[in-house]
Amino acid sequence: MEEHHGARVAQALALKLRAAIDRKGWTVAELSRNSGVARYTISKALNGEAWPDLLTIANLEKALEADLWPGREV
């Protein structure tokens, strides 16, 4: 059975988020402070357990200075 497209998008976003956090050398708590996004929300996104809304993604991208949305490549 083919994996659901939404699941692939969530996984790709989680990988991009983890890579961006690692590049900054931040913890989830530091990203939370710098982005205004709750640690719980960031953790859920990293684990693929939640879909961040557009404002959340925008705030994370701004804080991390990175593009997180995987786009059409997924």
Protein backbone atom coordinates (compact mmCIF):
# COMPACT_ATOMS: atom_id res chain seq x y z
CA MET A 1 0.00 0.00 0.00
CA GLU A 2 1.35 3.41 -0.95
CA GLU A 3 2.10 5.83 1.87
CA HIS A 4 -0.37 8.70 2.17
CA HIS A 5 0.84 11.98 0.65
CA GLY A 6 -0.03 13.86 3.87
CA ALA A 7 2.17 11.51 5.88
CA ARG A 8 5.08 12.15 3.52
CA VAL A 9 4.61 15.92 3.87
CA ALA A 10 4.53 15.68 7.67
CA GLN A 11 7.68 13.54 7.69
CA ALA A 12 9.51 15.90 5.33
CA LEU A 13 8.52 18.92 7.42
CA ALA A 14 9.71 17.17 10.59
CA LEU A 15 13.07 16.36 8.97
CA LYS A 16 13.53 19.94 7.75
CA LEU A 17 12.57 21.26 11.19
CA ARG A 18 15.07 18.96 12.95
CA ALA A 19 17.84 19.90 10.50
CA ALA A 20 17.18 23.63 10.95
CA ILE A 21 17.20 23.30 14.75
CA ASP A 22 20.47 21.38 14.59
CA ARG A 23 22.06 23.97 12.26
CA LYS A 24 21.21 26.69 14.78
CA GLY A 25 22.51 24.53 17.63
CA TRP A 26 19.30 25.17 19.54
CA THR A 27 17.19 23.03 21.82
CA VAL A 28 13.43 22.83 21.42
CA ALA A 29 13.15 25.19 24.40
CA GLU A 30 15.41 27.75 22.70
CA LEU A 31 13.40 27.52 19.48
CA SER A 32 10.23 27.98 21.52
CA ARG A 33 11.59 31.14 23.14
CA ASN A 34 12.84 32.55 19.85
CA SER A 35 9.74 31.73 17.82
CA GLY A 36 6.90 32.15 20.31
CA VAL A 37 5.74 28.61 19.46
CA ALA A 38 5.00 26.31 22.39
CA ARG A 39 7.53 23.54 23.07
CA TYR A 40 4.67 21.03 23.02
CA THR A 41 3.71 22.12 19.49
CA ILE A 42 7.31 21.91 18.26
CA SER A 43 7.76 18.46 19.81
CA LYS A 44 4.53 17.20 18.25
CA ALA A 45 5.66 18.49 14.83
CA LEU A 46 9.09 16.87 15.23
CA ASN A 47 7.44 13.54 16.06
CA GLY A 48 4.98 13.82 13.16
CA GLU A 49 2.09 13.79 15.62
CA ALA A 50 0.62 17.17 14.69
CA TRP A 51 0.23 19.43 11.68
CA PRO A 52 1.44 22.93 12.51
CA ASP A 53 -0.78 25.65 11.09
CA LEU A 54 0.56 28.19 8.61
CA LEU A 55 1.23 30.88 11.22
CA THR A 56 3.19 28.38 13.33
CA ILE A 57 5.28 27.32 10.34
CA ALA A 58 5.89 30.97 9.45
CA ASN A 59 7.03 31.76 13.00
CA LEU A 60 9.35 28.75 13.05
CA GLU A 61 10.79 29.64 9.64
CA LYS A 62 11.41 33.23 10.72
CA ALA A 63 13.16 32.19 13.95
CA LEU A 64 15.23 29.50 12.24
CA GLU A 65 15.91 31.55 9.10
CA ALA A 66 15.02 28.45 7.10
CA ASP A 67 12.33 27.16 4.76
CA LEU A 68 10.44 24.29 6.35
CA TRP A 69 7.58 23.58 3.98
CA PRO A 70 8.65 20.69 1.74
CA GLY A 71 6.80 21.97 -1.32
CA ARG A 72 6.06 19.83 -4.34
CA GLU A 73 9.18 17.70 -4.00
CA VAL A 74 7.39 15.33 -1.63
